[in-house]
Amino acid sequence: MSTAQEQARINRECKAALKRGEVTPNGVSYSWGLQNINGAWFILFREKHHTDEDIKRAKRHIYNSRDVVSLTIKQVI
């Protein structure tokens, strides 16, 4: 998959997460899915207006409220 196609997919996933209401209290959207019996995977979508502190708070919220097996951050352009 080309870089442009990958970025378009990330942008679509971010919009879909927003529609589903998958947003941390400080406004960072995320997607998730069950990984195994230990928990779920999460993707945080970092938009242009998000600061490092926004992402740090969003990660803390996810880790404190869910059973996290993996967490990645994707840049939304």
N, C-alpha and C. Protein backbone atom coordinates (compact mmCIF):
# COMPACT_ATOMS: atom_id res chain seq x y z
N MET A 1 0.85 -1.17 0.00
CA MET A 1 0.00 0.00 0.00
C MET A 1 0.90 1.24 0.00
N SER A 2 0.55 2.20 -0.82
CA SER A 2 1.36 3.41 -0.90
C SER A 2 1.15 4.28 0.34
N THR A 3 2.07 5.21 0.52
CA THR A 3 1.98 6.12 1.66
C THR A 3 0.70 6.94 1.61
N ALA A 4 0.32 7.40 0.43
CA ALA A 4 -0.90 8.20 0.28
C ALA A 4 -2.13 7.36 0.62
N GLN A 5 -2.14 6.11 0.19
CA GLN A 5 -3.26 5.22 0.50
C GLN A 5 -3.34 4.94 2.00
N GLU A 6 -2.19 4.73 2.62
CA GLU A 6 -2.13 4.47 4.05
C GLU A 6 -2.64 5.69 4.82
N GLN A 7 -2.24 6.88 4.42
CA GLN A 7 -2.69 8.09 5.10
C GLN A 7 -4.19 8.29 4.92
N ALA A 8 -4.71 8.00 3.74
CA ALA A 8 -6.16 8.12 3.51
C ALA A 8 -6.92 7.14 4.40
N ARG A 9 -6.38 5.93 4.59
CA ARG A 9 -7.01 4.94 5.46
C ARG A 9 -7.01 5.43 6.91
N ILE A 10 -5.89 5.98 7.36
CA ILE A 10 -5.80 6.51 8.73
C ILE A 10 -6.82 7.63 8.93
N ASN A 11 -6.93 8.53 7.96
CA ASN A 11 -7.89 9.63 8.05
C ASN A 11 -9.32 9.11 8.14
N ARG A 12 -9.66 8.07 7.34
CA ARG A 12 -11.00 7.47 7.39
C ARG A 12 -11.26 6.83 8.74
N GLU A 13 -10.26 6.12 9.27
CA GLU A 13 -10.41 5.48 10.58
C GLU A 13 -10.64 6.51 11.68
N CYS A 14 -9.94 7.62 11.60
CA CYS A 14 -10.11 8.69 12.59
C CYS A 14 -11.53 9.25 12.54
N LYS A 15 -12.04 9.52 11.35
CA LYS A 15 -13.40 10.05 11.21
C LYS A 15 -14.43 9.05 11.71
N ALA A 16 -14.22 7.77 11.42
CA ALA A 16 -15.15 6.73 11.88
C ALA A 16 -15.14 6.64 13.40
N ALA A 17 -13.97 6.75 14.02
CA ALA A 17 -13.87 6.71 15.48
C ALA A 17 -14.63 7.89 16.10
N LEU A 18 -14.50 9.06 15.50
CA LEU A 18 -15.24 10.23 15.99
C LEU A 18 -16.74 10.00 15.91
N LYS A 19 -17.21 9.42 14.81
CA LYS A 19 -18.64 9.14 14.65
C LYS A 19 -19.14 8.14 15.68
N ARG A 20 -18.29 7.17 16.04
CA ARG A 20 -18.66 6.16 17.04
C ARG A 20 -18.55 6.69 18.47
N GLY A 21 -18.01 7.89 18.62
CA GLY A 21 -17.84 8.47 19.94
C GLY A 21 -16.64 7.94 20.70
N GLU A 22 -15.70 7.36 19.99
CA GLU A 22 -14.49 6.84 20.61
C GLU A 22 -13.48 7.99 20.73
N VAL A 23 -13.67 8.76 21.78
CA VAL A 23 -12.86 9.96 22.01
C VAL A 23 -12.53 10.03 23.50
N THR A 24 -11.27 10.32 23.81
CA THR A 24 -10.88 10.47 25.21
C THR A 24 -11.47 11.76 25.76
N PRO A 25 -11.52 11.91 27.08
CA PRO A 25 -12.09 13.14 27.66
C PRO A 25 -11.40 14.43 27.18
N ASN A 26 -10.14 14.34 26.75
CA ASN A 26 -9.47 15.55 26.28
C ASN A 26 -9.50 15.68 24.76
N GLY A 27 -10.34 14.89 24.07
CA GLY A 27 -10.60 15.11 22.66
C GLY A 27 -9.75 14.37 21.65
N VAL A 28 -9.04 13.33 22.07
CA VAL A 28 -8.24 12.54 21.13
C VAL A 28 -9.05 11.31 20.74
N SER A 29 -9.31 11.14 19.44
CA SER A 29 -10.08 9.98 19.00
C SER A 29 -9.19 8.75 18.97
N TYR A 30 -9.84 7.60 19.10
CA TYR A 30 -9.11 6.34 19.11
C TYR A 30 -9.97 5.23 18.51
N SER A 31 -9.30 4.19 18.13
CA SER A 31 -9.96 2.98 17.65
C SER A 31 -9.42 1.84 18.48
N TRP A 32 -10.19 0.77 18.59
CA TRP A 32 -9.73 -0.35 19.39
C TRP A 32 -10.36 -1.64 18.90
N GLY A 33 -9.78 -2.74 19.34
CA GLY A 33 -10.31 -4.06 19.03
C GLY A 33 -9.74 -5.07 20.01
N LEU A 34 -10.48 -6.15 20.21
CA LEU A 34 -10.04 -7.20 21.11
C LEU A 34 -8.83 -7.91 20.52
N GLN A 35 -7.76 -8.02 21.28
CA GLN A 35 -6.55 -8.68 20.80
C GLN A 35 -6.48 -10.12 21.29
N ASN A 36 -6.67 -10.32 22.57
CA ASN A 36 -6.65 -11.66 23.15
C ASN A 36 -7.32 -11.60 24.52
N ILE A 37 -7.19 -12.67 25.30
CA ILE A 37 -7.87 -12.70 26.60
C ILE A 37 -7.31 -11.67 27.58
N ASN A 38 -6.14 -11.14 27.27
CA ASN A 38 -5.51 -10.15 28.16
C ASN A 38 -5.98 -8.73 27.92
N GLY A 39 -6.63 -8.47 26.80
CA GLY A 39 -7.08 -7.11 26.56
C GLY A 39 -7.19 -6.76 25.08
N ALA A 40 -7.10 -5.48 24.82
CA ALA A 40 -7.37 -4.95 23.47
C ALA A 40 -6.19 -4.13 22.96
N TRP A 41 -6.17 -3.93 21.63
CA TRP A 41 -5.22 -3.01 21.00
C TRP A 41 -5.93 -1.67 20.84
N PHE A 42 -5.15 -0.62 20.86
CA PHE A 42 -5.69 0.73 20.70
C PHE A 42 -4.81 1.52 19.74
N ILE A 43 -5.46 2.38 18.96
CA ILE A 43 -4.76 3.34 18.11
C ILE A 43 -5.28 4.72 18.49
N LEU A 44 -4.38 5.61 18.88
CA LEU A 44 -4.73 7.01 19.12
C LEU A 44 -4.46 7.78 17.84
N PHE A 45 -5.39 8.63 17.45
CA PHE A 45 -5.23 9.42 16.24
C PHE A 45 -4.80 10.84 16.61
N ARG A 46 -3.56 11.16 16.31
CA ARG A 46 -3.02 12.48 16.62
C ARG A 46 -3.30 13.43 15.45
N GLU A 47 -4.15 14.41 15.71
CA GLU A 47 -4.45 15.41 14.70
C GLU A 47 -3.52 16.60 14.88
N LYS A 48 -3.49 17.48 13.89
CA LYS A 48 -2.54 18.60 13.89
C LYS A 48 -2.62 19.48 15.13
N HIS A 49 -3.81 19.63 15.68
CA HIS A 49 -3.99 20.52 16.83
C HIS A 49 -3.64 19.87 18.17
N HIS A 50 -3.37 18.58 18.18
CA HIS A 50 -3.03 17.91 19.44
C HIS A 50 -1.59 18.17 19.84
N THR A 51 -1.41 18.49 21.11
CA THR A 51 -0.06 18.70 21.64
C THR A 51 0.47 17.39 22.21
N ASP A 52 1.75 17.40 22.55
CA ASP A 52 2.35 16.24 23.21
C ASP A 52 1.62 15.94 24.52
N GLU A 53 1.23 16.98 25.23
CA GLU A 53 0.51 16.81 26.49
C GLU A 53 -0.87 16.18 26.26
N ASP A 54 -1.56 16.56 25.17
CA ASP A 54 -2.84 15.94 24.83
C ASP A 54 -2.68 14.43 24.66
N ILE A 55 -1.66 14.04 23.93
CA ILE A 55 -1.42 12.62 23.67
C ILE A 55 -1.05 11.90 24.97
N LYS A 56 -0.24 12.53 25.77
CA LYS A 56 0.16 11.95 27.06
C LYS A 56 -1.07 11.70 27.94
N ARG A 57 -1.97 12.67 28.00
CA ARG A 57 -3.20 12.52 28.80
C ARG A 57 -4.12 11.44 28.22
N ALA A 58 -4.22 11.41 26.91
CA ALA A 58 -5.06 10.39 26.26
C ALA A 58 -4.52 8.99 26.54
N LYS A 59 -3.21 8.81 26.45
CA LYS A 59 -2.60 7.52 26.76
C LYS A 59 -2.88 7.13 28.21
N ARG A 60 -2.71 8.07 29.11
CA ARG A 60 -2.96 7.80 30.53
C ARG A 60 -4.41 7.37 30.74
N HIS A 61 -5.35 8.07 30.08
CA HIS A 61 -6.76 7.72 30.21
C HIS A 61 -7.02 6.29 29.73
N ILE A 62 -6.50 5.95 28.56
CA ILE A 62 -6.71 4.60 28.01
C ILE A 62 -6.11 3.55 28.94
N TYR A 63 -4.87 3.73 29.35
CA TYR A 63 -4.22 2.76 30.23
C TYR A 63 -4.95 2.62 31.58
N ASN A 64 -5.51 3.70 32.10
CA ASN A 64 -6.19 3.65 33.40
C ASN A 64 -7.61 3.12 33.32
N SER A 65 -8.22 3.12 32.13
CA SER A 65 -9.62 2.74 32.03
C SER A 65 -9.86 1.45 31.25
N ARG A 66 -8.85 0.91 30.62
CA ARG A 66 -9.01 -0.28 29.78
C ARG A 66 -7.90 -1.28 30.03
N ASP A 67 -8.11 -2.50 29.55
CA ASP A 67 -7.07 -3.53 29.57
C ASP A 67 -6.32 -3.43 28.25
N VAL A 68 -5.16 -2.78 28.27
CA VAL A 68 -4.40 -2.47 27.07
C VAL A 68 -3.31 -3.52 26.84
N VAL A 69 -3.33 -4.12 25.65
CA VAL A 69 -2.27 -5.04 25.25
C VAL A 69 -1.27 -4.29 24.39
N SER A 70 -1.77 -3.43 23.51
CA SER A 70 -0.87 -2.60 22.69
C SER A 70 -1.54 -1.27 22.40
N LEU A 71 -0.72 -0.24 22.26
CA LEU A 71 -1.22 1.09 21.96
C LEU A 71 -0.26 1.75 20.99
N THR A 72 -0.79 2.22 19.88
CA THR A 72 0.03 2.93 18.90
C THR A 72 -0.59 4.29 18.64
N ILE A 73 0.20 5.17 18.04
CA ILE A 73 -0.27 6.51 17.71
C ILE A 73 -0.09 6.71 16.22
N LYS A 74 -1.14 7.14 15.55
CA LYS A 74 -1.11 7.42 14.12
C LYS A 74 -1.34 8.90 13.91
N GLN A 75 -0.53 9.50 13.06
CA GLN A 75 -0.68 10.93 12.72
C GLN A 75 -1.74 11.10 11.66
N VAL A 76 -2.68 12.00 11.91
CA VAL A 76 -3.72 12.33 10.94
C VAL A 76 -3.29 13.60 10.23
N ILE A 77 -3.26 13.56 8.91
CA ILE A 77 -2.86 14.72 8.11
C ILE A 77 -4.07 15.31 7.41
